[in-house]
Amino acid sequence: MDTEEDALLAAVTSAPADDAPRLVYADWLQERGQEAKAEYVRLVVELMHPPERAESVERCVAVAAALDESWRRTVGARFEVLLDGAAALVLAAHVVSLLFKLAIPQGLRPWRKGQPVRLRCGQTREEAEHVVRMFGPNLLRQQDSGEPVLRLVVRPMDEDSPLGLIAPPG
């Protein structure tokens, strides 16, 4: 890696919610013939701004498969997976936590009724999509109304969101 790329990556990591460093880096990559990497970075920028398009998520997952995991974690933004829903939310969050084999960190802010439960943080968009595809179909049970009782949601993290695996305190 050259010094110029190091500086661009440092700019991306120092401002995780800012589009500008990623877009400058994407242009730099494209100028050097690294089309897949440039496309990935541009897709990440797009997906950081809801509402996201299903086609963009699919393309991001497909492009990511051919790229280095460490590099993707550096440039891939920060997304979180949340469990949302009204029925037995806390119990479901604990079950999902067990599925993920999460250790509940100390010193977390308490979960508040009516708020979604953060299950995973600091994920690339394709990692978050993998979680939704793996666990979503098993969590989404239909009520008589046809509405899901629980659902997994992926959203961009803001700059103040902590990194790590998070579940409600026990």
N, C-alpha and C. Protein backbone atom coordinates (compact mmCIF):
# COMPACT_ATOMS: atom_id res chain seq x y z
N MET A 1 0.84 -1.17 0.00
CA MET A 1 0.00 0.00 0.00
C MET A 1 0.89 1.24 0.00
N ASP A 2 0.50 2.25 -0.76
CA ASP A 2 1.34 3.45 -0.81
C ASP A 2 0.85 4.50 0.18
N THR A 3 1.66 5.52 0.37
CA THR A 3 1.37 6.56 1.34
C THR A 3 0.08 7.30 1.00
N GLU A 4 -0.17 7.52 -0.28
CA GLU A 4 -1.39 8.22 -0.69
C GLU A 4 -2.62 7.41 -0.31
N GLU A 5 -2.59 6.10 -0.53
CA GLU A 5 -3.73 5.27 -0.15
C GLU A 5 -3.88 5.22 1.37
N ASP A 6 -2.76 5.14 2.08
CA ASP A 6 -2.81 5.17 3.54
C ASP A 6 -3.53 6.43 4.03
N ALA A 7 -3.22 7.56 3.44
CA ALA A 7 -3.84 8.83 3.84
C ALA A 7 -5.34 8.83 3.53
N LEU A 8 -5.70 8.28 2.38
CA LEU A 8 -7.12 8.21 2.02
C LEU A 8 -7.88 7.30 2.98
N LEU A 9 -7.30 6.16 3.32
CA LEU A 9 -7.94 5.24 4.26
C LEU A 9 -8.05 5.86 5.65
N ALA A 10 -7.04 6.60 6.06
CA ALA A 10 -7.08 7.29 7.35
C ALA A 10 -8.21 8.31 7.38
N ALA A 11 -8.43 9.00 6.26
CA ALA A 11 -9.52 9.97 6.18
C ALA A 11 -10.88 9.27 6.29
N VAL A 12 -11.00 8.11 5.67
CA VAL A 12 -12.25 7.34 5.74
C VAL A 12 -12.52 6.90 7.17
N THR A 13 -11.52 6.35 7.83
CA THR A 13 -11.73 5.83 9.18
C THR A 13 -11.89 6.93 10.23
N SER A 14 -11.33 8.10 9.98
CA SER A 14 -11.46 9.18 10.96
C SER A 14 -12.82 9.88 10.88
N ALA A 15 -13.54 9.70 9.80
CA ALA A 15 -14.87 10.31 9.64
C ALA A 15 -15.84 9.26 9.10
N PRO A 16 -16.21 8.27 9.95
CA PRO A 16 -16.97 7.13 9.44
C PRO A 16 -18.35 7.45 8.87
N ALA A 17 -18.94 8.56 9.26
CA ALA A 17 -20.26 8.91 8.75
C ALA A 17 -20.21 9.92 7.60
N ASP A 18 -19.02 10.33 7.20
CA ASP A 18 -18.86 11.34 6.16
C ASP A 18 -18.67 10.67 4.80
N ASP A 19 -19.47 11.08 3.83
CA ASP A 19 -19.38 10.51 2.48
C ASP A 19 -18.14 10.97 1.72
N ALA A 20 -17.73 12.20 1.93
CA ALA A 20 -16.69 12.81 1.10
C ALA A 20 -15.39 11.99 1.05
N PRO A 21 -14.83 11.56 2.19
CA PRO A 21 -13.58 10.79 2.10
C PRO A 21 -13.75 9.48 1.32
N ARG A 22 -14.90 8.83 1.48
CA ARG A 22 -15.14 7.59 0.74
C ARG A 22 -15.24 7.86 -0.76
N LEU A 23 -15.92 8.92 -1.14
CA LEU A 23 -16.08 9.21 -2.56
C LEU A 23 -14.76 9.63 -3.20
N VAL A 24 -13.94 10.36 -2.48
CA VAL A 24 -12.60 10.71 -2.98
C VAL A 24 -11.78 9.43 -3.16
N TYR A 25 -11.86 8.55 -2.18
CA TYR A 25 -11.13 7.27 -2.25
C TYR A 25 -11.65 6.43 -3.42
N ALA A 26 -12.96 6.41 -3.64
CA ALA A 26 -13.53 5.64 -4.76
C ALA A 26 -13.00 6.17 -6.09
N ASP A 27 -12.95 7.49 -6.24
CA ASP A 27 -12.40 8.08 -7.46
C ASP A 27 -10.93 7.68 -7.63
N TRP A 28 -10.17 7.73 -6.55
CA TRP A 28 -8.75 7.37 -6.58
C TRP A 28 -8.59 5.91 -7.02
N LEU A 29 -9.41 5.03 -6.47
CA LEU A 29 -9.36 3.61 -6.84
C LEU A 29 -9.69 3.42 -8.32
N GLN A 30 -10.71 4.10 -8.79
CA GLN A 30 -11.11 3.96 -10.19
C GLN A 30 -10.02 4.46 -11.13
N GLU A 31 -9.38 5.54 -10.77
CA GLU A 31 -8.28 6.08 -11.58
C GLU A 31 -7.13 5.08 -11.70
N ARG A 32 -7.03 4.16 -10.76
CA ARG A 32 -5.97 3.15 -10.76
C ARG A 32 -6.45 1.79 -11.24
N GLY A 33 -7.64 1.77 -11.86
CA GLY A 33 -8.15 0.55 -12.46
C GLY A 33 -8.73 -0.46 -11.47
N GLN A 34 -8.99 -0.04 -10.25
CA GLN A 34 -9.56 -0.94 -9.25
C GLN A 34 -11.08 -0.73 -9.18
N GLU A 35 -11.73 -1.14 -10.28
CA GLU A 35 -13.16 -0.89 -10.48
C GLU A 35 -14.03 -1.53 -9.41
N ALA A 36 -13.76 -2.77 -9.03
CA ALA A 36 -14.59 -3.47 -8.05
C ALA A 36 -14.53 -2.76 -6.69
N LYS A 37 -13.34 -2.37 -6.29
CA LYS A 37 -13.21 -1.66 -5.02
C LYS A 37 -13.93 -0.31 -5.07
N ALA A 38 -13.77 0.40 -6.18
CA ALA A 38 -14.43 1.70 -6.33
C ALA A 38 -15.95 1.53 -6.28
N GLU A 39 -16.46 0.50 -6.95
CA GLU A 39 -17.90 0.26 -6.94
C GLU A 39 -18.37 -0.07 -5.53
N TYR A 40 -17.62 -0.89 -4.82
CA TYR A 40 -17.99 -1.25 -3.46
C TYR A 40 -18.09 0.00 -2.57
N VAL A 41 -17.10 0.86 -2.63
CA VAL A 41 -17.10 2.06 -1.80
C VAL A 41 -18.30 2.94 -2.16
N ARG A 42 -18.61 3.09 -3.42
CA ARG A 42 -19.76 3.91 -3.83
C ARG A 42 -21.08 3.28 -3.37
N LEU A 43 -21.16 1.95 -3.42
CA LEU A 43 -22.37 1.28 -2.93
C LEU A 43 -22.53 1.50 -1.42
N VAL A 44 -21.44 1.44 -0.69
CA VAL A 44 -21.51 1.68 0.75
C VAL A 44 -22.05 3.08 1.02
N VAL A 45 -21.55 4.06 0.29
CA VAL A 45 -22.03 5.44 0.46
C VAL A 45 -23.52 5.51 0.18
N GLU A 46 -23.95 4.88 -0.89
CA GLU A 46 -25.38 4.88 -1.22
C GLU A 46 -26.20 4.24 -0.10
N LEU A 47 -25.74 3.11 0.41
CA LEU A 47 -26.50 2.37 1.41
C LEU A 47 -26.50 3.05 2.79
N MET A 48 -25.62 4.00 2.99
CA MET A 48 -25.61 4.74 4.24
C MET A 48 -26.73 5.77 4.31
N HIS A 49 -27.47 5.93 3.21
CA HIS A 49 -28.54 6.93 3.15
C HIS A 49 -29.87 6.27 2.83
N PRO A 50 -30.64 5.94 3.87
CA PRO A 50 -31.95 5.32 3.65
C PRO A 50 -32.86 6.24 2.84
N PRO A 51 -33.84 5.69 2.15
CA PRO A 51 -34.13 4.27 2.09
C PRO A 51 -33.19 3.57 1.11
N GLU A 52 -32.79 2.37 1.46
CA GLU A 52 -31.89 1.64 0.58
C GLU A 52 -32.70 0.83 -0.43
N ARG A 53 -32.08 0.59 -1.57
CA ARG A 53 -32.71 -0.21 -2.62
C ARG A 53 -32.21 -1.64 -2.50
N ALA A 54 -33.12 -2.60 -2.63
CA ALA A 54 -32.76 -4.02 -2.53
C ALA A 54 -31.68 -4.39 -3.57
N GLU A 55 -31.75 -3.78 -4.76
CA GLU A 55 -30.77 -4.07 -5.81
C GLU A 55 -29.36 -3.64 -5.37
N SER A 56 -29.28 -2.52 -4.66
CA SER A 56 -27.98 -2.04 -4.19
C SER A 56 -27.41 -2.95 -3.11
N VAL A 57 -28.28 -3.46 -2.23
CA VAL A 57 -27.82 -4.39 -1.20
C VAL A 57 -27.29 -5.66 -1.87
N GLU A 58 -28.05 -6.19 -2.83
CA GLU A 58 -27.62 -7.40 -3.54
C GLU A 58 -26.30 -7.19 -4.25
N ARG A 59 -26.15 -6.05 -4.90
CA ARG A 59 -24.91 -5.76 -5.62
C ARG A 59 -23.75 -5.61 -4.65
N CYS A 60 -23.97 -4.97 -3.52
CA CYS A 60 -22.93 -4.80 -2.51
C CYS A 60 -22.46 -6.17 -2.01
N VAL A 61 -23.39 -7.06 -1.73
CA VAL A 61 -23.05 -8.41 -1.27
C VAL A 61 -22.24 -9.14 -2.34
N ALA A 62 -22.66 -9.01 -3.59
CA ALA A 62 -21.97 -9.70 -4.70
C ALA A 62 -20.56 -9.16 -4.90
N VAL A 63 -20.40 -7.85 -4.91
CA VAL A 63 -19.09 -7.24 -5.12
C VAL A 63 -18.15 -7.57 -3.95
N ALA A 64 -18.70 -7.55 -2.74
CA ALA A 64 -17.90 -7.80 -1.54
C ALA A 64 -17.27 -9.18 -1.53
N ALA A 65 -17.93 -10.14 -2.12
CA ALA A 65 -17.45 -11.53 -2.09
C ALA A 65 -16.05 -11.67 -2.68
N ALA A 66 -15.68 -10.81 -3.62
CA ALA A 66 -14.37 -10.92 -4.27
C ALA A 66 -13.30 -10.00 -3.65
N LEU A 67 -13.67 -9.29 -2.59
CA LEU A 67 -12.74 -8.32 -2.00
C LEU A 67 -12.22 -8.80 -0.64
N ASP A 68 -11.05 -8.31 -0.28
CA ASP A 68 -10.42 -8.66 0.98
C ASP A 68 -11.28 -8.21 2.17
N GLU A 69 -11.50 -9.12 3.11
CA GLU A 69 -12.36 -8.83 4.26
C GLU A 69 -11.82 -7.69 5.12
N SER A 70 -10.55 -7.68 5.37
CA SER A 70 -9.95 -6.63 6.20
C SER A 70 -10.14 -5.26 5.56
N TRP A 71 -9.92 -5.18 4.26
CA TRP A 71 -10.10 -3.92 3.55
C TRP A 71 -11.56 -3.48 3.61
N ARG A 72 -12.49 -4.43 3.41
CA ARG A 72 -13.93 -4.10 3.46
C ARG A 72 -14.32 -3.55 4.83
N ARG A 73 -13.76 -4.12 5.88
CA ARG A 73 -14.08 -3.62 7.23
C ARG A 73 -13.57 -2.19 7.43
N THR A 74 -12.47 -1.88 6.80
CA THR A 74 -11.92 -0.53 6.92
C THR A 74 -12.79 0.49 6.20
N VAL A 75 -13.23 0.18 4.99
CA VAL A 75 -13.96 1.16 4.19
C VAL A 75 -15.47 0.96 4.21
N GLY A 76 -15.93 -0.16 4.75
CA GLY A 76 -17.33 -0.56 4.61
C GLY A 76 -18.34 0.09 5.51
N ALA A 77 -18.00 1.15 6.13
CA ALA A 77 -18.94 1.90 6.96
C ALA A 77 -19.30 1.12 8.20
N ARG A 78 -20.29 1.61 8.90
CA ARG A 78 -20.73 0.97 10.12
C ARG A 78 -22.25 0.86 10.07
N PHE A 79 -22.70 -0.36 10.05
CA PHE A 79 -24.12 -0.63 10.07
C PHE A 79 -24.44 -1.42 11.32
N GLU A 80 -25.69 -1.35 11.75
CA GLU A 80 -26.10 -2.11 12.91
C GLU A 80 -27.34 -2.92 12.57
N VAL A 81 -27.47 -4.06 13.24
CA VAL A 81 -28.64 -4.92 13.08
C VAL A 81 -29.44 -4.79 14.36
N LEU A 82 -30.72 -4.47 14.20
CA LEU A 82 -31.59 -4.28 15.35
C LEU A 82 -32.76 -5.24 15.28
N LEU A 83 -33.25 -5.62 16.45
CA LEU A 83 -34.45 -6.42 16.56
C LEU A 83 -35.56 -5.47 16.95
N ASP A 84 -36.61 -5.42 16.15
CA ASP A 84 -37.69 -4.47 16.38
C ASP A 84 -39.00 -5.23 16.42
N GLY A 85 -39.92 -4.79 17.24
CA GLY A 85 -41.22 -5.41 17.34
C GLY A 85 -41.78 -5.27 18.74
N ALA A 86 -43.06 -5.51 18.88
CA ALA A 86 -43.72 -5.28 20.15
C ALA A 86 -43.80 -6.52 21.03
N ALA A 87 -43.99 -7.68 20.46
CA ALA A 87 -44.29 -8.88 21.25
C ALA A 87 -43.04 -9.54 21.77
N ALA A 88 -42.93 -9.66 23.06
CA ALA A 88 -41.84 -10.38 23.73
C ALA A 88 -40.47 -9.96 23.23
N LEU A 89 -40.29 -8.68 23.05
CA LEU A 89 -39.05 -8.17 22.47
C LEU A 89 -37.83 -8.52 23.31
N VAL A 90 -37.90 -8.33 24.58
CA VAL A 90 -36.75 -8.58 25.43
C VAL A 90 -36.39 -10.07 25.43
N LEU A 91 -37.39 -10.93 25.57
CA LEU A 91 -37.13 -12.36 25.54
C LEU A 91 -36.51 -12.76 24.20
N ALA A 92 -37.07 -12.27 23.11
CA ALA A 92 -36.54 -12.59 21.78
C ALA A 92 -35.10 -12.10 21.64
N ALA A 93 -34.82 -10.93 22.17
CA ALA A 93 -33.45 -10.40 22.09
C ALA A 93 -32.48 -11.31 22.82
N HIS A 94 -32.88 -11.82 23.97
CA HIS A 94 -32.01 -12.73 24.70
C HIS A 94 -31.81 -14.04 23.95
N VAL A 95 -32.86 -14.55 23.33
CA VAL A 95 -32.74 -15.78 22.53
C VAL A 95 -31.78 -15.55 21.37
N VAL A 96 -31.95 -14.43 20.68
CA VAL A 96 -31.06 -14.11 19.56
C VAL A 96 -29.63 -13.94 20.08
N SER A 97 -29.48 -13.33 21.23
CA SER A 97 -28.15 -13.17 21.81
C SER A 97 -27.50 -14.52 22.03
N LEU A 98 -28.26 -15.48 22.51
CA LEU A 98 -27.73 -16.83 22.70
C LEU A 98 -27.34 -17.44 21.36
N LEU A 99 -28.17 -17.21 20.34
CA LEU A 99 -27.84 -17.73 19.01
C LEU A 99 -26.52 -17.17 18.52
N PHE A 100 -26.30 -15.89 18.79
CA PHE A 100 -25.05 -15.24 18.37
C PHE A 100 -23.92 -15.55 19.33
N LYS A 101 -24.23 -16.21 20.45
CA LYS A 101 -23.24 -16.49 21.49
C LYS A 101 -22.58 -15.21 21.97
N LEU A 102 -23.43 -14.24 22.24
CA LEU A 102 -22.95 -12.94 22.68
C LEU A 102 -22.72 -12.93 24.17
N ALA A 103 -21.67 -12.31 24.58
CA ALA A 103 -21.48 -11.98 25.98
C ALA A 103 -22.01 -10.57 26.15
N ILE A 104 -22.88 -10.38 27.09
CA ILE A 104 -23.47 -9.06 27.28
C ILE A 104 -22.43 -8.16 27.94
N PRO A 105 -22.01 -7.11 27.24
CA PRO A 105 -20.98 -6.22 27.79
C PRO A 105 -21.48 -5.49 29.03
N GLN A 106 -20.58 -5.08 29.87
CA GLN A 106 -20.91 -4.32 31.08
C GLN A 106 -21.05 -2.84 30.72
N GLY A 107 -21.81 -2.14 31.50
CA GLY A 107 -21.89 -0.69 31.37
C GLY A 107 -22.68 -0.20 30.19
N LEU A 108 -23.59 -1.01 29.67
CA LEU A 108 -24.40 -0.55 28.54
C LEU A 108 -25.57 0.27 29.02
N ARG A 109 -26.04 1.15 28.18
CA ARG A 109 -27.25 1.88 28.51
C ARG A 109 -28.40 0.89 28.56
N PRO A 110 -29.32 1.05 29.50
CA PRO A 110 -30.43 0.09 29.59
C PRO A 110 -31.35 0.19 28.39
N TRP A 111 -31.91 -0.95 28.05
CA TRP A 111 -32.89 -0.99 26.97
C TRP A 111 -34.17 -0.34 27.46
N ARG A 112 -34.83 0.41 26.60
CA ARG A 112 -36.08 1.07 26.96
C ARG A 112 -37.22 0.46 26.16
N LYS A 113 -38.32 0.22 26.84
CA LYS A 113 -39.50 -0.34 26.20
C LYS A 113 -39.89 0.51 24.99
N GLY A 114 -40.20 -0.15 23.90
CA GLY A 114 -40.59 0.54 22.68
C GLY A 114 -39.42 0.86 21.76
N GLN A 115 -38.20 0.66 22.24
CA GLN A 115 -37.02 0.90 21.42
C GLN A 115 -36.54 -0.40 20.81
N PRO A 116 -35.99 -0.37 19.60
CA PRO A 116 -35.41 -1.61 19.06
C PRO A 116 -34.19 -2.01 19.87
N VAL A 117 -33.88 -3.29 19.83
CA VAL A 117 -32.73 -3.82 20.56
C VAL A 117 -31.58 -3.98 19.57
N ARG A 118 -30.44 -3.39 19.88
CA ARG A 118 -29.27 -3.48 19.02
C ARG A 118 -28.61 -4.84 19.26
N LEU A 119 -28.49 -5.62 18.19
CA LEU A 119 -27.89 -6.95 18.29
C LEU A 119 -26.45 -6.96 17.82
N ARG A 120 -26.17 -6.27 16.74
CA ARG A 120 -24.80 -6.23 16.20
C ARG A 120 -24.51 -4.82 15.72
N CYS A 121 -23.29 -4.40 15.99
CA CYS A 121 -22.85 -3.06 15.59
C CYS A 121 -21.54 -3.18 14.83
N GLY A 122 -21.22 -2.11 14.10
CA GLY A 122 -19.94 -2.06 13.42
C GLY A 122 -19.81 -3.07 12.32
N GLN A 123 -20.92 -3.43 11.70
CA GLN A 123 -20.92 -4.41 10.63
C GLN A 123 -20.78 -3.72 9.27
N THR A 124 -20.16 -4.42 8.33
CA THR A 124 -20.26 -3.94 6.95
C THR A 124 -21.68 -4.26 6.51
N ARG A 125 -22.13 -3.65 5.43
CA ARG A 125 -23.52 -3.87 5.01
C ARG A 125 -23.74 -5.33 4.63
N GLU A 126 -22.74 -5.96 4.01
CA GLU A 126 -22.91 -7.36 3.60
C GLU A 126 -22.92 -8.29 4.82
N GLU A 127 -22.16 -7.95 5.87
CA GLU A 127 -22.21 -8.75 7.10
C GLU A 127 -23.59 -8.65 7.75
N ALA A 128 -24.13 -7.44 7.78
CA ALA A 128 -25.47 -7.24 8.34
C ALA A 128 -26.51 -8.00 7.54
N GLU A 129 -26.37 -8.00 6.23
CA GLU A 129 -27.31 -8.72 5.37
C GLU A 129 -27.24 -10.22 5.64
N HIS A 130 -26.04 -10.72 5.89
CA HIS A 130 -25.87 -12.14 6.21
C HIS A 130 -26.64 -12.50 7.48
N VAL A 131 -26.57 -11.65 8.48
CA VAL A 131 -27.29 -11.88 9.74
C VAL A 131 -28.79 -11.92 9.48
N VAL A 132 -29.28 -10.96 8.71
CA VAL A 132 -30.72 -10.91 8.41
C VAL A 132 -31.16 -12.16 7.66
N ARG A 133 -30.38 -12.58 6.69
CA ARG A 133 -30.75 -13.76 5.91
C ARG A 133 -30.67 -15.04 6.74
N MET A 134 -29.71 -15.10 7.65
CA MET A 134 -29.54 -16.31 8.45
C MET A 134 -30.61 -16.44 9.52
N PHE A 135 -30.89 -15.35 10.22
CA PHE A 135 -31.78 -15.42 11.38
C PHE A 135 -33.17 -14.84 11.13
N GLY A 136 -33.30 -13.96 10.16
CA GLY A 136 -34.58 -13.32 9.91
C GLY A 136 -35.74 -14.27 9.69
N PRO A 137 -35.61 -15.25 8.80
CA PRO A 137 -36.74 -16.14 8.56
C PRO A 137 -37.19 -16.93 9.80
N ASN A 138 -36.28 -17.17 10.73
CA ASN A 138 -36.63 -17.89 11.94
C ASN A 138 -37.27 -17.00 13.00
N LEU A 139 -37.09 -15.70 12.89
CA LEU A 139 -37.62 -14.76 13.87
C LEU A 139 -38.96 -14.17 13.46
N LEU A 140 -39.20 -14.09 12.19
CA LEU A 140 -40.36 -13.37 11.70
C LEU A 140 -41.59 -14.28 11.68
N ARG A 141 -42.30 -14.29 12.76
CA ARG A 141 -43.52 -15.08 12.86
C ARG A 141 -44.69 -14.15 12.61
N GLN A 142 -45.65 -14.62 11.87
CA GLN A 142 -46.80 -13.80 11.51
C GLN A 142 -47.92 -13.90 12.55
N GLN A 143 -48.55 -12.77 12.83
CA GLN A 143 -49.75 -12.75 13.65
C GLN A 143 -50.94 -12.97 12.73
N ASP A 144 -52.13 -13.04 13.30
CA ASP A 144 -53.34 -13.18 12.50
C ASP A 144 -53.50 -12.02 11.53
N SER A 145 -52.98 -10.85 11.91
CA SER A 145 -53.10 -9.67 11.06
C SER A 145 -52.16 -9.73 9.85
N GLY A 146 -51.23 -10.68 9.87
CA GLY A 146 -50.28 -10.77 8.77
C GLY A 146 -49.04 -9.92 8.98
N GLU A 147 -48.98 -9.17 10.08
CA GLU A 147 -47.83 -8.32 10.37
C GLU A 147 -46.79 -9.11 11.16
N PRO A 148 -45.52 -8.90 10.91
CA PRO A 148 -44.49 -9.59 11.71
C PRO A 148 -44.52 -9.14 13.16
N VAL A 149 -44.33 -10.09 14.07
CA VAL A 149 -44.24 -9.76 15.48
C VAL A 149 -42.88 -9.14 15.75
N LEU A 150 -41.85 -9.71 15.16
CA LEU A 150 -40.48 -9.23 15.30
C LEU A 150 -39.87 -9.11 13.92
N ARG A 151 -38.95 -8.19 13.77
CA ARG A 151 -38.23 -8.08 12.50
C ARG A 151 -36.81 -7.61 12.76
N LEU A 152 -35.91 -8.05 11.90
CA LEU A 152 -34.53 -7.57 11.94
C LEU A 152 -34.42 -6.38 11.01
N VAL A 153 -33.79 -5.34 11.49
CA VAL A 153 -33.64 -4.10 10.73
C VAL A 153 -32.15 -3.78 10.64
N VAL A 154 -31.72 -3.34 9.47
CA VAL A 154 -30.34 -2.88 9.28
C VAL A 154 -30.40 -1.38 9.04
N ARG A 155 -29.54 -0.66 9.74
CA ARG A 155 -29.47 0.79 9.50
C ARG A 155 -28.04 1.27 9.71
N PRO A 156 -27.70 2.38 9.06
CA PRO A 156 -26.36 2.96 9.28
C PRO A 156 -26.23 3.44 10.72
N MET A 157 -25.05 3.29 11.27
CA MET A 157 -24.79 3.81 12.61
C MET A 157 -24.39 5.27 12.49
N ASP A 158 -24.73 6.05 13.50
CA ASP A 158 -24.24 7.42 13.50
C ASP A 158 -22.88 7.47 14.18
N GLU A 159 -22.25 8.62 14.16
CA GLU A 159 -20.89 8.73 14.69
C GLU A 159 -20.80 8.46 16.18
N ASP A 160 -21.91 8.64 16.90
CA ASP A 160 -21.90 8.43 18.34
C ASP A 160 -22.21 6.99 18.74
N SER A 161 -22.58 6.15 17.79
CA SER A 161 -22.93 4.77 18.11
C SER A 161 -21.69 4.00 18.49
N PRO A 162 -21.76 3.25 19.59
CA PRO A 162 -20.60 2.46 19.99
C PRO A 162 -20.41 1.26 19.09
N LEU A 163 -19.18 0.80 18.99
CA LEU A 163 -18.88 -0.41 18.24
C LEU A 163 -19.02 -1.61 19.16
N GLY A 164 -19.14 -2.78 18.58
CA GLY A 164 -19.18 -4.00 19.37
C GLY A 164 -20.48 -4.73 19.24
N LEU A 165 -20.62 -5.81 19.96
CA LEU A 165 -21.85 -6.58 19.96
C LEU A 165 -22.66 -6.17 21.18
N ILE A 166 -23.89 -5.83 20.95
CA ILE A 166 -24.69 -5.27 22.03
C ILE A 166 -26.02 -5.99 22.12
N ALA A 167 -26.45 -6.29 23.32
CA ALA A 167 -27.78 -6.82 23.60
C ALA A 167 -28.26 -6.14 24.87
N PRO A 168 -29.54 -6.22 25.17
CA PRO A 168 -30.01 -5.56 26.38
C PRO A 168 -29.41 -6.20 27.62
N PRO A 169 -29.22 -5.42 28.68
CA PRO A 169 -28.65 -5.98 29.89
C PRO A 169 -29.55 -7.06 30.47
N GLY A 170 -28.94 -8.03 31.16
CA GLY A 170 -29.69 -9.13 31.74
C GLY A 170 -30.25 -8.77 33.01
